[in-house]
Amino acid sequence: MSAPIQIKRVYDKASPEDGMRILVERLWPRGVTKARAKIDLWLKDIAPSAELRKWFVHDPVKSEEFKKRYWDELRQNRPAVKNLRAYMKKGNVTYVYAAPDEKHNGALALRDYLTQKKF
């Protein structure tokens, strides 16, 4: 991996420094047009499952358990992880997410998973 993975809410303005903007949500964000989002790639399959997302509801108390469960899903979803890593080798990437909580969300958990030394 070359550059660090950036994280940005879909509601924030896109910038040239974002590089490839990858939406890492299973559902399209409400109230955002495709033109405004400036998404280069939408990887639904890398996002937490609908069941996990509904269980978590961005509750900070559940954050560590959410991360553990999401990482378990990622370990079972090697093709999607491999696909994402291939895009990351091409240059800067920004994971774009829709959650209102900037400290407890799937994009951060995904970045942590991909930047750990062994998984």
PDB file of N, CA and C in Angstrom:
ATOM      1  N   MET A   1       0.836  -1.169   0.000  1.00  0.00           N
ATOM      2  CA  MET A   1       0.000   0.000   0.000  1.00  0.00           C
ATOM      3  C   MET A   1       0.881   1.232   0.000  1.00  0.00           C
ATOM      4  N   SER A   2       0.564   2.183  -0.847  1.00  0.00           N
ATOM      5  CA  SER A   2       1.384   3.372  -0.916  1.00  0.00           C
ATOM      6  C   SER A   2       0.878   4.455   0.021  1.00  0.00           C
ATOM      7  N   ALA A   3      -0.068   5.244  -0.408  1.00  0.00           N
ATOM      8  CA  ALA A   3      -0.572   6.360   0.385  1.00  0.00           C
ATOM      9  C   ALA A   3      -1.557   5.872   1.443  1.00  0.00           C
ATOM     10  N   PRO A   4      -1.664   6.631   2.539  1.00  0.00           N
ATOM     11  CA  PRO A   4      -2.643   6.241   3.550  1.00  0.00           C
ATOM     12  C   PRO A   4      -4.065   6.345   3.004  1.00  0.00           C
ATOM     13  N   ILE A   5      -4.934   5.544   3.561  1.00  0.00           N
ATOM     14  CA  ILE A   5      -6.334   5.550   3.150  1.00  0.00           C
ATOM     15  C   ILE A   5      -7.019   6.737   3.804  1.00  0.00           C
ATOM     16  N   GLN A   6      -7.682   7.529   2.998  1.00  0.00           N
ATOM     17  CA  GLN A   6      -8.430   8.663   3.524  1.00  0.00           C
ATOM     18  C   GLN A   6      -9.880   8.242   3.746  1.00  0.00           C
ATOM     19  N   ILE A   7     -10.531   8.909   4.674  1.00  0.00           N
ATOM     20  CA  ILE A   7     -11.925   8.635   4.995  1.00  0.00           C
ATOM     21  C   ILE A   7     -12.682   9.957   4.905  1.00  0.00           C
ATOM     22  N   LYS A   8     -13.853   9.921   4.247  1.00  0.00           N
ATOM     23  CA  LYS A   8     -14.623  11.157   4.079  1.00  0.00           C
ATOM     24  C   LYS A   8     -16.110  10.840   4.014  1.00  0.00           C
ATOM     25  N   ARG A   9     -16.904  11.687   4.644  1.00  0.00           N
ATOM     26  CA  ARG A   9     -18.354  11.534   4.532  1.00  0.00           C
ATOM     27  C   ARG A   9     -18.790  11.944   3.137  1.00  0.00           C
ATOM     28  N   VAL A  10     -19.800  11.280   2.628  1.00  0.00           N
ATOM     29  CA  VAL A  10     -20.312  11.566   1.292  1.00  0.00           C
ATOM     30  C   VAL A  10     -20.869  12.990   1.215  1.00  0.00           C
ATOM     31  N   TYR A  11     -21.255  13.552   2.346  1.00  0.00           N
ATOM     32  CA  TYR A  11     -21.838  14.887   2.392  1.00  0.00           C
ATOM     33  C   TYR A  11     -20.773  15.983   2.382  1.00  0.00           C
ATOM     34  N   ASP A  12     -19.509  15.605   2.548  1.00  0.00           N
ATOM     35  CA  ASP A  12     -18.393  16.554   2.472  1.00  0.00           C
ATOM     36  C   ASP A  12     -17.983  16.744   1.023  1.00  0.00           C
ATOM     37  N   LYS A  13     -17.443  17.887   0.738  1.00  0.00           N
ATOM     38  CA  LYS A  13     -17.044  18.210  -0.632  1.00  0.00           C
ATOM     39  C   LYS A  13     -15.862  17.346  -1.087  1.00  0.00           C
ATOM     40  N   ALA A  14     -15.955  16.839  -2.300  1.00  0.00           N
ATOM     41  CA  ALA A  14     -14.863  16.067  -2.889  1.00  0.00           C
ATOM     42  C   ALA A  14     -13.711  17.008  -3.243  1.00  0.00           C
ATOM     43  N   SER A  15     -12.495  16.465  -3.237  1.00  0.00           N
ATOM     44  CA  SER A  15     -11.328  17.260  -3.624  1.00  0.00           C
ATOM     45  C   SER A  15     -10.393  16.402  -4.463  1.00  0.00           C
ATOM     46  N   PRO A  16      -9.532  17.049  -5.253  1.00  0.00           N
ATOM     47  CA  PRO A  16      -8.591  16.283  -6.096  1.00  0.00           C
ATOM     48  C   PRO A  16      -7.672  15.375  -5.274  1.00  0.00           C
ATOM     49  N   GLU A  17      -7.382  15.758  -4.020  1.00  0.00           N
ATOM     50  CA  GLU A  17      -6.507  14.960  -3.165  1.00  0.00           C
ATOM     51  C   GLU A  17      -7.148  13.628  -2.754  1.00  0.00           C
ATOM     52  N   ASP A  18      -8.457  13.517  -2.961  1.00  0.00           N
ATOM     53  CA  ASP A  18      -9.150  12.276  -2.592  1.00  0.00           C
ATOM     54  C   ASP A  18      -8.665  11.081  -3.402  1.00  0.00           C
ATOM     55  N   GLY A  19      -8.189  11.328  -4.601  1.00  0.00           N
ATOM     56  CA  GLY A  19      -7.844  10.210  -5.469  1.00  0.00           C
ATOM     57  C   GLY A  19      -9.119   9.486  -5.868  1.00  0.00           C
ATOM     58  N   MET A  20      -9.061   8.169  -5.916  1.00  0.00           N
ATOM     59  CA  MET A  20     -10.257   7.397  -6.256  1.00  0.00           C
ATOM     60  C   MET A  20     -11.201   7.399  -5.057  1.00  0.00           C
ATOM     61  N   ARG A  21     -12.426   7.845  -5.297  1.00  0.00           N
ATOM     62  CA  ARG A  21     -13.442   7.892  -4.243  1.00  0.00           C
ATOM     63  C   ARG A  21     -14.278   6.620  -4.317  1.00  0.00           C
ATOM     64  N   ILE A  22     -14.182   5.812  -3.253  1.00  0.00           N
ATOM     65  CA  ILE A  22     -14.858   4.528  -3.220  1.00  0.00           C
ATOM     66  C   ILE A  22     -15.944   4.554  -2.148  1.00  0.00           C
ATOM     67  N   LEU A  23     -17.182   4.400  -2.578  1.00  0.00           N
ATOM     68  CA  LEU A  23     -18.290   4.334  -1.639  1.00  0.00           C
ATOM     69  C   LEU A  23     -18.297   2.938  -1.021  1.00  0.00           C
ATOM     70  N   VAL A  24     -18.187   2.887   0.310  1.00  0.00           N
ATOM     71  CA  VAL A  24     -18.107   1.610   1.022  1.00  0.00           C
ATOM     72  C   VAL A  24     -19.367   1.408   1.868  1.00  0.00           C
ATOM     73  N   GLU A  25     -20.510   1.640   1.241  1.00  0.00           N
ATOM     74  CA  GLU A  25     -21.822   1.476   1.868  1.00  0.00           C
ATOM     75  C   GLU A  25     -22.644   0.499   1.037  1.00  0.00           C
ATOM     76  N   ARG A  26     -23.503  -0.238   1.693  1.00  0.00           N
ATOM     77  CA  ARG A  26     -24.368  -1.183   0.987  1.00  0.00           C
ATOM     78  C   ARG A  26     -25.530  -0.464   0.311  1.00  0.00           C
ATOM     79  N   LEU A  27     -25.971   0.652   0.899  1.00  0.00           N
ATOM     80  CA  LEU A  27     -27.078   1.435   0.356  1.00  0.00           C
ATOM     81  C   LEU A  27     -26.567   2.799  -0.105  1.00  0.00           C
ATOM     82  N   TRP A  28     -27.219   3.334  -1.150  1.00  0.00           N
ATOM     83  CA  TRP A  28     -26.843   4.673  -1.614  1.00  0.00           C
ATOM     84  C   TRP A  28     -27.277   5.686  -0.546  1.00  0.00           C
ATOM     85  N   PRO A  29     -26.412   6.658  -0.228  1.00  0.00           N
ATOM     86  CA  PRO A  29     -26.731   7.660   0.801  1.00  0.00           C
ATOM     87  C   PRO A  29     -27.945   8.513   0.437  1.00  0.00           C
ATOM     88  N   ARG A  30     -28.798   8.723   1.411  1.00  0.00           N
ATOM     89  CA  ARG A  30     -30.010   9.509   1.195  1.00  0.00           C
ATOM     90  C   ARG A  30     -29.688  10.963   0.904  1.00  0.00           C
ATOM     91  N   GLY A  31     -30.436  11.506  -0.042  1.00  0.00           N
ATOM     92  CA  GLY A  31     -30.350  12.927  -0.329  1.00  0.00           C
ATOM     93  C   GLY A  31     -29.117  13.373  -1.084  1.00  0.00           C
ATOM     94  N   VAL A  32     -28.363  12.441  -1.634  1.00  0.00           N
ATOM     95  CA  VAL A  32     -27.135  12.789  -2.367  1.00  0.00           C
ATOM     96  C   VAL A  32     -27.254  12.280  -3.798  1.00  0.00           C
ATOM     97  N   THR A  33     -27.087  13.190  -4.738  1.00  0.00           N
ATOM     98  CA  THR A  33     -27.108  12.773  -6.137  1.00  0.00           C
ATOM     99  C   THR A  33     -25.767  12.155  -6.509  1.00  0.00           C
ATOM    100  N   LYS A  34     -25.780  11.374  -7.552  1.00  0.00           N
ATOM    101  CA  LYS A  34     -24.523  10.773  -8.013  1.00  0.00           C
ATOM    102  C   LYS A  34     -23.537  11.846  -8.455  1.00  0.00           C
ATOM    103  N   ALA A  35     -24.049  12.910  -9.052  1.00  0.00           N
ATOM    104  CA  ALA A  35     -23.174  14.000  -9.498  1.00  0.00           C
ATOM    105  C   ALA A  35     -22.502  14.687  -8.302  1.00  0.00           C
ATOM    106  N   ARG A  36     -23.256  14.918  -7.241  1.00  0.00           N
ATOM    107  CA  ARG A  36     -22.699  15.593  -6.067  1.00  0.00           C
ATOM    108  C   ARG A  36     -21.721  14.685  -5.319  1.00  0.00           C
ATOM    109  N   ALA A  37     -22.011  13.402  -5.266  1.00  0.00           N
ATOM    110  CA  ALA A  37     -21.172  12.462  -4.518  1.00  0.00           C
ATOM    111  C   ALA A  37     -19.798  12.259  -5.157  1.00  0.00           C
ATOM    112  N   LYS A  38     -19.742  12.367  -6.468  1.00  0.00           N
ATOM    113  CA  LYS A  38     -18.475  12.173  -7.210  1.00  0.00           C
ATOM    114  C   LYS A  38     -17.793  10.856  -6.822  1.00  0.00           C
ATOM    115  N   ILE A  39     -18.565   9.795  -6.860  1.00  0.00           N
ATOM    116  CA  ILE A  39     -18.058   8.468  -6.527  1.00  0.00           C
ATOM    117  C   ILE A  39     -17.477   7.827  -7.785  1.00  0.00           C
ATOM    118  N   ASP A  40     -16.262   7.315  -7.663  1.00  0.00           N
ATOM    119  CA  ASP A  40     -15.627   6.620  -8.788  1.00  0.00           C
ATOM    120  C   ASP A  40     -16.005   5.141  -8.816  1.00  0.00           C
ATOM    121  N   LEU A  41     -16.263   4.585  -7.644  1.00  0.00           N
ATOM    122  CA  LEU A  41     -16.521   3.163  -7.540  1.00  0.00           C
ATOM    123  C   LEU A  41     -17.401   2.909  -6.322  1.00  0.00           C
ATOM    124  N   TRP A  42     -18.422   2.085  -6.496  1.00  0.00           N
ATOM    125  CA  TRP A  42     -19.308   1.731  -5.393  1.00  0.00           C
ATOM    126  C   TRP A  42     -19.125   0.245  -5.114  1.00  0.00           C
ATOM    127  N   LEU A  43     -18.509  -0.066  -3.983  1.00  0.00           N
ATOM    128  CA  LEU A  43     -18.263  -1.457  -3.616  1.00  0.00           C
ATOM    129  C   LEU A  43     -19.232  -1.889  -2.514  1.00  0.00           C
ATOM    130  N   LYS A  44     -20.428  -2.242  -2.901  1.00  0.00           N
ATOM    131  CA  LYS A  44     -21.460  -2.667  -1.949  1.00  0.00           C
ATOM    132  C   LYS A  44     -21.021  -3.905  -1.171  1.00  0.00           C
ATOM    133  N   ASP A  45     -20.331  -4.816  -1.857  1.00  0.00           N
ATOM    134  CA  ASP A  45     -19.973  -6.095  -1.245  1.00  0.00           C
ATOM    135  C   ASP A  45     -18.933  -5.993  -0.136  1.00  0.00           C
ATOM    136  N   ILE A  46     -18.246  -4.875  -0.045  1.00  0.00           N
ATOM    137  CA  ILE A  46     -17.235  -4.719   1.004  1.00  0.00           C
ATOM    138  C   ILE A  46     -17.848  -4.140   2.277  1.00  0.00           C
ATOM    139  N   ALA A  47     -19.046  -3.616   2.180  1.00  0.00           N
ATOM    140  CA  ALA A  47     -19.722  -2.979   3.313  1.00  0.00           C
ATOM    141  C   ALA A  47     -20.232  -4.017   4.308  1.00  0.00           C
ATOM    142  N   PRO A  48     -20.468  -3.591   5.553  1.00  0.00           N
ATOM    143  CA  PRO A  48     -21.060  -4.518   6.533  1.00  0.00           C
ATOM    144  C   PRO A  48     -22.407  -5.039   6.037  1.00  0.00           C
ATOM    145  N   SER A  49     -22.739  -6.248   6.419  1.00  0.00           N
ATOM    146  CA  SER A  49     -24.017  -6.840   6.023  1.00  0.00           C
ATOM    147  C   SER A  49     -25.177  -6.005   6.557  1.00  0.00           C
ATOM    148  N   ALA A  50     -26.322  -6.173   5.934  1.00  0.00           N
ATOM    149  CA  ALA A  50     -27.519  -5.448   6.386  1.00  0.00           C
ATOM    150  C   ALA A  50     -27.837  -5.801   7.836  1.00  0.00           C
ATOM    151  N   GLU A  51     -27.691  -7.056   8.198  1.00  0.00           N
ATOM    152  CA  GLU A  51     -27.973  -7.486   9.564  1.00  0.00           C
ATOM    153  C   GLU A  51     -27.042  -6.808  10.561  1.00  0.00           C
ATOM    154  N   LEU A  52     -25.755  -6.766  10.231  1.00  0.00           N
ATOM    155  CA  LEU A  52     -24.782  -6.140  11.130  1.00  0.00           C
ATOM    156  C   LEU A  52     -25.026  -4.641  11.237  1.00  0.00           C
ATOM    157  N   ARG A  53     -25.300  -4.013  10.131  1.00  0.00           N
ATOM    158  CA  ARG A  53     -25.565  -2.567  10.117  1.00  0.00           C
ATOM    159  C   ARG A  53     -26.779  -2.239  10.985  1.00  0.00           C
ATOM    160  N   LYS A  54     -27.836  -3.035  10.846  1.00  0.00           N
ATOM    161  CA  LYS A  54     -29.055  -2.800  11.639  1.00  0.00           C
ATOM    162  C   LYS A  54     -28.809  -3.046  13.127  1.00  0.00           C
ATOM    163  N   TRP A  55     -27.983  -4.024  13.444  1.00  0.00           N
ATOM    164  CA  TRP A  55     -27.656  -4.301  14.837  1.00  0.00           C
ATOM    165  C   TRP A  55     -26.843  -3.151  15.442  1.00  0.00           C
ATOM    166  N   PHE A  56     -25.889  -2.650  14.702  1.00  0.00           N
ATOM    167  CA  PHE A  56     -24.960  -1.624  15.196  1.00  0.00           C
ATOM    168  C   PHE A  56     -25.640  -0.268  15.400  1.00  0.00           C
ATOM    169  N   VAL A  57     -26.389   0.181  14.447  1.00  0.00           N
ATOM    170  CA  VAL A  57     -27.026   1.514  14.434  1.00  0.00           C
ATOM    171  C   VAL A  57     -26.098   2.621  14.960  1.00  0.00           C
ATOM    172  N   HIS A  58     -24.824   2.485  14.712  1.00  0.00           N
ATOM    173  CA  HIS A  58     -23.799   3.473  15.070  1.00  0.00           C
ATOM    174  C   HIS A  58     -23.806   3.828  16.554  1.00  0.00           C
ATOM    175  N   ASP A  59     -24.099   2.831  17.367  1.00  0.00           N
ATOM    176  CA  ASP A  59     -24.072   2.995  18.816  1.00  0.00           C
ATOM    177  C   ASP A  59     -22.622   2.869  19.279  1.00  0.00           C
ATOM    178  N   PRO A  60     -22.035   3.946  19.814  1.00  0.00           N
ATOM    179  CA  PRO A  60     -20.634   3.895  20.243  1.00  0.00           C
ATOM    180  C   PRO A  60     -20.341   2.766  21.237  1.00  0.00           C
ATOM    181  N   VAL A  61     -21.317   2.403  22.043  1.00  0.00           N
ATOM    182  CA  VAL A  61     -21.135   1.319  23.013  1.00  0.00           C
ATOM    183  C   VAL A  61     -20.883  -0.011  22.305  1.00  0.00           C
ATOM    184  N   LYS A  62     -21.455  -0.176  21.114  1.00  0.00           N
ATOM    185  CA  LYS A  62     -21.310  -1.415  20.348  1.00  0.00           C
ATOM    186  C   LYS A  62     -20.123  -1.382  19.389  1.00  0.00           C
ATOM    187  N   SER A  63     -19.374  -0.308  19.396  1.00  0.00           N
ATOM    188  CA  SER A  63     -18.337  -0.085  18.390  1.00  0.00           C
ATOM    189  C   SER A  63     -17.297  -1.205  18.307  1.00  0.00           C
ATOM    190  N   GLU A  64     -16.753  -1.622  19.425  1.00  0.00           N
ATOM    191  CA  GLU A  64     -15.716  -2.669  19.396  1.00  0.00           C
ATOM    192  C   GLU A  64     -16.285  -4.006  18.931  1.00  0.00           C
ATOM    193  N   GLU A  65     -17.483  -4.336  19.374  1.00  0.00           N
ATOM    194  CA  GLU A  65     -18.113  -5.588  18.938  1.00  0.00           C
ATOM    195  C   GLU A  65     -18.471  -5.512  17.454  1.00  0.00           C
ATOM    196  N   PHE A  66     -18.908  -4.326  17.001  1.00  0.00           N
ATOM    197  CA  PHE A  66     -19.195  -4.131  15.578  1.00  0.00           C
ATOM    198  C   PHE A  66     -17.936  -4.398  14.757  1.00  0.00           C
ATOM    199  N   LYS A  67     -16.833  -3.820  15.179  1.00  0.00           N
ATOM    200  CA  LYS A  67     -15.569  -3.994  14.457  1.00  0.00           C
ATOM    201  C   LYS A  67     -15.192  -5.475  14.386  1.00  0.00           C
ATOM    202  N   LYS A  68     -15.306  -6.172  15.492  1.00  0.00           N
ATOM    203  CA  LYS A  68     -14.982  -7.603  15.526  1.00  0.00           C
ATOM    204  C   LYS A  68     -15.872  -8.378  14.547  1.00  0.00           C
ATOM    205  N   ARG A  69     -17.165  -8.120  14.587  1.00  0.00           N
ATOM    206  CA  ARG A  69     -18.093  -8.825  13.697  1.00  0.00           C
ATOM    207  C   ARG A  69     -17.871  -8.469  12.231  1.00  0.00           C
ATOM    208  N   TYR A  70     -17.598  -7.211  11.986  1.00  0.00           N
ATOM    209  CA  TYR A  70     -17.342  -6.774  10.608  1.00  0.00           C
ATOM    210  C   TYR A  70     -16.056  -7.406  10.088  1.00  0.00           C
ATOM    211  N   TRP A  71     -15.019  -7.449  10.904  1.00  0.00           N
ATOM    212  CA  TRP A  71     -13.776  -8.087  10.486  1.00  0.00           C
ATOM    213  C   TRP A  71     -14.011  -9.567  10.197  1.00  0.00           C
ATOM    214  N   ASP A  72     -14.864 -10.203  10.978  1.00  0.00           N
ATOM    215  CA  ASP A  72     -15.206 -11.614  10.696  1.00  0.00           C
ATOM    216  C   ASP A  72     -15.862 -11.723   9.318  1.00  0.00           C
ATOM    217  N   GLU A  73     -16.761 -10.782   9.011  1.00  0.00           N
ATOM    218  CA  GLU A  73     -17.382 -10.787   7.681  1.00  0.00           C
ATOM    219  C   GLU A  73     -16.336 -10.578   6.589  1.00  0.00           C
ATOM    220  N   LEU A  74     -15.405  -9.678   6.824  1.00  0.00           N
ATOM    221  CA  LEU A  74     -14.361  -9.412   5.822  1.00  0.00           C
ATOM    222  C   LEU A  74     -13.481 -10.643   5.601  1.00  0.00           C
ATOM    223  N   ARG A  75     -13.171 -11.368   6.661  1.00  0.00           N
ATOM    224  CA  ARG A  75     -12.366 -12.590   6.519  1.00  0.00           C
ATOM    225  C   ARG A  75     -13.099 -13.639   5.680  1.00  0.00           C
ATOM    226  N   GLN A  76     -14.417 -13.612   5.717  1.00  0.00           N
ATOM    227  CA  GLN A  76     -15.221 -14.534   4.927  1.00  0.00           C
ATOM    228  C   GLN A  76     -15.482 -14.016   3.509  1.00  0.00           C
ATOM    229  N   ASN A  77     -15.052 -12.808   3.237  1.00  0.00           N
ATOM    230  CA  ASN A  77     -15.332 -12.140   1.957  1.00  0.00           C
ATOM    231  C   ASN A  77     -14.026 -11.778   1.246  1.00  0.00           C
ATOM    232  N   ARG A  78     -13.147 -12.727   1.153  1.00  0.00           N
ATOM    233  CA  ARG A  78     -11.815 -12.475   0.573  1.00  0.00           C
ATOM    234  C   ARG A  78     -11.843 -11.902  -0.856  1.00  0.00           C
ATOM    235  N   PRO A  79     -12.762 -12.348  -1.733  1.00  0.00           N
ATOM    236  CA  PRO A  79     -12.770 -11.759  -3.081  1.00  0.00           C
ATOM    237  C   PRO A  79     -13.011 -10.244  -3.071  1.00  0.00           C
ATOM    238  N   ALA A  80     -13.920  -9.765  -2.230  1.00  0.00           N
ATOM    239  CA  ALA A  80     -14.188  -8.328  -2.166  1.00  0.00           C
ATOM    240  C   ALA A  80     -12.981  -7.573  -1.605  1.00  0.00           C
ATOM    241  N   VAL A  81     -12.342  -8.155  -0.600  1.00  0.00           N
ATOM    242  CA  VAL A  81     -11.149  -7.521  -0.008  1.00  0.00           C
ATOM    243  C   VAL A  81     -10.025  -7.472  -1.042  1.00  0.00           C
ATOM    244  N   LYS A  82      -9.833  -8.561  -1.758  1.00  0.00           N
ATOM    245  CA  LYS A  82      -8.790  -8.606  -2.793  1.00  0.00           C
ATOM    246  C   LYS A  82      -9.065  -7.561  -3.878  1.00  0.00           C
ATOM    247  N   ASN A  83     -10.320  -7.425  -4.271  1.00  0.00           N
ATOM    248  CA  ASN A  83     -10.716  -6.442  -5.272  1.00  0.00           C
ATOM    249  C   ASN A  83     -10.393  -5.022  -4.788  1.00  0.00           C
ATOM    250  N   LEU A  84     -10.743  -4.727  -3.552  1.00  0.00           N
ATOM    251  CA  LEU A  84     -10.465  -3.399  -3.001  1.00  0.00           C
ATOM    252  C   LEU A  84      -8.968  -3.140  -2.924  1.00  0.00           C
ATOM    253  N   ARG A  85      -8.213  -4.113  -2.487  1.00  0.00           N
ATOM    254  CA  ARG A  85      -6.752  -3.937  -2.388  1.00  0.00           C
ATOM    255  C   ARG A  85      -6.136  -3.655  -3.764  1.00  0.00           C
ATOM    256  N   ALA A  86      -6.672  -4.247  -4.808  1.00  0.00           N
ATOM    257  CA  ALA A  86      -6.174  -3.999  -6.165  1.00  0.00           C
ATOM    258  C   ALA A  86      -6.368  -2.527  -6.540  1.00  0.00           C
ATOM    259  N   TYR A  87      -7.507  -1.963  -6.207  1.00  0.00           N
ATOM    260  CA  TYR A  87      -7.734  -0.544  -6.489  1.00  0.00           C
ATOM    261  C   TYR A  87      -6.802   0.339  -5.665  1.00  0.00           C
ATOM    262  N   MET A  88      -6.529  -0.071  -4.446  1.00  0.00           N
ATOM    263  CA  MET A  88      -5.665   0.719  -3.572  1.00  0.00           C
ATOM    264  C   MET A  88      -4.228   0.786  -4.094  1.00  0.00           C
ATOM    265  N   LYS A  89      -3.802  -0.214  -4.819  1.00  0.00           N
ATOM    266  CA  LYS A  89      -2.443  -0.228  -5.360  1.00  0.00           C
ATOM    267  C   LYS A  89      -2.266   0.766  -6.500  1.00  0.00           C
ATOM    268  N   LYS A  90      -3.369   1.260  -7.048  1.00  0.00           N
ATOM    269  CA  LYS A  90      -3.306   2.165  -8.197  1.00  0.00           C
ATOM    270  C   LYS A  90      -3.062   3.619  -7.805  1.00  0.00           C
ATOM    271  N   GLY A  91      -3.180   3.947  -6.521  1.00  0.00           N
ATOM    272  CA  GLY A  91      -2.960   5.328  -6.091  1.00  0.00           C
ATOM    273  C   GLY A  91      -3.800   5.680  -4.886  1.00  0.00           C
ATOM    274  N   ASN A  92      -3.910   6.974  -4.631  1.00  0.00           N
ATOM    275  CA  ASN A  92      -4.674   7.445  -3.482  1.00  0.00           C
ATOM    276  C   ASN A  92      -6.122   6.982  -3.560  1.00  0.00           C
ATOM    277  N   VAL A  93      -6.654   6.597  -2.408  1.00  0.00           N
ATOM    278  CA  VAL A  93      -8.067   6.246  -2.323  1.00  0.00           C
ATOM    279  C   VAL A  93      -8.692   6.926  -1.113  1.00  0.00           C
ATOM    280  N   THR A  94      -9.965   7.218  -1.248  1.00  0.00           N
ATOM    281  CA  THR A  94     -10.756   7.746  -0.140  1.00  0.00           C
ATOM    282  C   THR A  94     -11.980   6.868  -0.005  1.00  0.00           C
ATOM    283  N   TYR A  95     -12.161   6.322   1.203  1.00  0.00           N
ATOM    284  CA  TYR A  95     -13.372   5.569   1.492  1.00  0.00           C
ATOM    285  C   TYR A  95     -14.452   6.585   1.840  1.00  0.00           C
ATOM    286  N   VAL A  96     -15.528   6.521   1.121  1.00  0.00           N
ATOM    287  CA  VAL A  96     -16.634   7.452   1.324  1.00  0.00           C
ATOM    288  C   VAL A  96     -17.757   6.701   2.037  1.00  0.00           C
ATOM    289  N   TYR A  97     -18.281   7.323   3.079  1.00  0.00           N
ATOM    290  CA  TYR A  97     -19.340   6.699   3.875  1.00  0.00           C
ATOM    291  C   TYR A  97     -20.437   7.710   4.157  1.00  0.00           C
ATOM    292  N   ALA A  98     -21.578   7.246   4.661  1.00  0.00           N
ATOM    293  CA  ALA A  98     -22.722   8.123   4.884  1.00  0.00           C
ATOM    294  C   ALA A  98     -23.074   8.328   6.352  1.00  0.00           C
ATOM    295  N   ALA A  99     -22.570   7.514   7.235  1.00  0.00           N
ATOM    296  CA  ALA A  99     -22.959   7.574   8.648  1.00  0.00           C
ATOM    297  C   ALA A  99     -22.698   8.952   9.259  1.00  0.00           C
ATOM    298  N   PRO A 100     -23.575   9.378  10.164  1.00  0.00           N
ATOM    299  CA  PRO A 100     -23.366  10.680  10.808  1.00  0.00           C
ATOM    300  C   PRO A 100     -22.225  10.662  11.832  1.00  0.00           C
ATOM    301  N   ASP A 101     -21.907   9.493  12.365  1.00  0.00           N
ATOM    302  CA  ASP A 101     -20.864   9.383  13.385  1.00  0.00           C
ATOM    303  C   ASP A 101     -19.503   9.241  12.715  1.00  0.00           C
ATOM    304  N   GLU A 102     -18.665  10.231  12.914  1.00  0.00           N
ATOM    305  CA  GLU A 102     -17.344  10.238  12.268  1.00  0.00           C
ATOM    306  C   GLU A 102     -16.315   9.390  13.000  1.00  0.00           C
ATOM    307  N   LYS A 103     -16.648   8.903  14.202  1.00  0.00           N
ATOM    308  CA  LYS A 103     -15.694   8.112  14.980  1.00  0.00           C
ATOM    309  C   LYS A 103     -16.050   6.636  15.054  1.00  0.00           C
ATOM    310  N   HIS A 104     -17.276   6.286  14.691  1.00  0.00           N
ATOM    311  CA  HIS A 104     -17.745   4.896  14.777  1.00  0.00           C
ATOM    312  C   HIS A 104     -18.520   4.557  13.516  1.00  0.00           C
ATOM    313  N   ASN A 105     -17.814   4.030  12.523  1.00  0.00           N
ATOM    314  CA  ASN A 105     -18.486   3.694  11.263  1.00  0.00           C
ATOM    315  C   ASN A 105     -17.724   2.595  10.525  1.00  0.00           C
ATOM    316  N   GLY A 106     -18.367   2.046   9.531  1.00  0.00           N
ATOM    317  CA  GLY A 106     -17.784   0.948   8.778  1.00  0.00           C
ATOM    318  C   GLY A 106     -16.534   1.313   7.999  1.00  0.00           C
ATOM    319  N   ALA A 107     -16.461   2.535   7.500  1.00  0.00           N
ATOM    320  CA  ALA A 107     -15.280   2.944   6.726  1.00  0.00           C
ATOM    321  C   ALA A 107     -14.023   2.918   7.597  1.00  0.00           C
ATOM    322  N   LEU A 108     -14.129   3.382   8.821  1.00  0.00           N
ATOM    323  CA  LEU A 108     -12.978   3.352   9.734  1.00  0.00           C
ATOM    324  C   LEU A 108     -12.598   1.922  10.083  1.00  0.00           C
ATOM    325  N   ALA A 109     -13.597   1.085  10.341  1.00  0.00           N
ATOM    326  CA  ALA A 109     -13.317  -0.319  10.657  1.00  0.00           C
ATOM    327  C   ALA A 109     -12.672  -1.025   9.469  1.00  0.00           C
ATOM    328  N   LEU A 110     -13.110  -0.689   8.260  1.00  0.00           N
ATOM    329  CA  LEU A 110     -12.533  -1.270   7.044  1.00  0.00           C
ATOM    330  C   LEU A 110     -11.084  -0.835   6.889  1.00  0.00           C
ATOM    331  N   ARG A 111     -10.819   0.448   7.078  1.00  0.00           N
ATOM    332  CA  ARG A 111      -9.431   0.935   6.991  1.00  0.00           C
ATOM    333  C   ARG A 111      -8.555   0.233   8.022  1.00  0.00           C
ATOM    334  N   ASP A 112      -9.048   0.103   9.245  1.00  0.00           N
ATOM    335  CA  ASP A 112      -8.268  -0.571  10.284  1.00  0.00           C
ATOM    336  C   ASP A 112      -7.964  -2.014   9.890  1.00  0.00           C
ATOM    337  N   TYR A 113      -8.948  -2.677   9.315  1.00  0.00           N
ATOM    338  CA  TYR A 113      -8.756  -4.066   8.892  1.00  0.00           C
ATOM    339  C   TYR A 113      -7.667  -4.166   7.825  1.00  0.00           C
ATOM    340  N   LEU A 114      -7.718  -3.287   6.852  1.00  0.00           N
ATOM    341  CA  LEU A 114      -6.767  -3.359   5.740  1.00  0.00           C
ATOM    342  C   LEU A 114      -5.380  -2.844   6.077  1.00  0.00           C
ATOM    343  N   THR A 115      -5.247  -2.102   7.156  1.00  0.00           N
ATOM    344  CA  THR A 115      -3.931  -1.574   7.510  1.00  0.00           C
ATOM    345  C   THR A 115      -3.257  -2.344   8.629  1.00  0.00           C
ATOM    346  N   GLN A 116      -3.945  -3.323   9.183  1.00  0.00           N
ATOM    347  CA  GLN A 116      -3.284  -4.147  10.197  1.00  0.00           C
ATOM    348  C   GLN A 116      -2.254  -5.046   9.509  1.00  0.00           C
ATOM    349  N   LYS A 117      -1.278  -5.453  10.234  1.00  0.00           N
ATOM    350  CA  LYS A 117      -0.185  -6.205   9.632  1.00  0.00           C
ATOM    351  C   LYS A 117      -0.582  -7.618   9.216  1.00  0.00           C
ATOM    352  N   LYS A 118      -1.449  -8.268   9.966  1.00  0.00           N
ATOM    353  CA  LYS A 118      -1.855  -9.612   9.554  1.00  0.00           C
ATOM    354  C   LYS A 118      -3.341  -9.772   9.803  1.00  0.00           C
ATOM    355  N   PHE A 119      -3.988 -10.456   8.861  1.00  0.00           N
ATOM    356  CA  PHE A 119      -5.423 -10.712   9.017  1.00  0.00           C
ATOM    357  C   PHE A 119      -5.838 -11.960   8.324  1.00  0.00           C
TER     358      PHE A 119
END
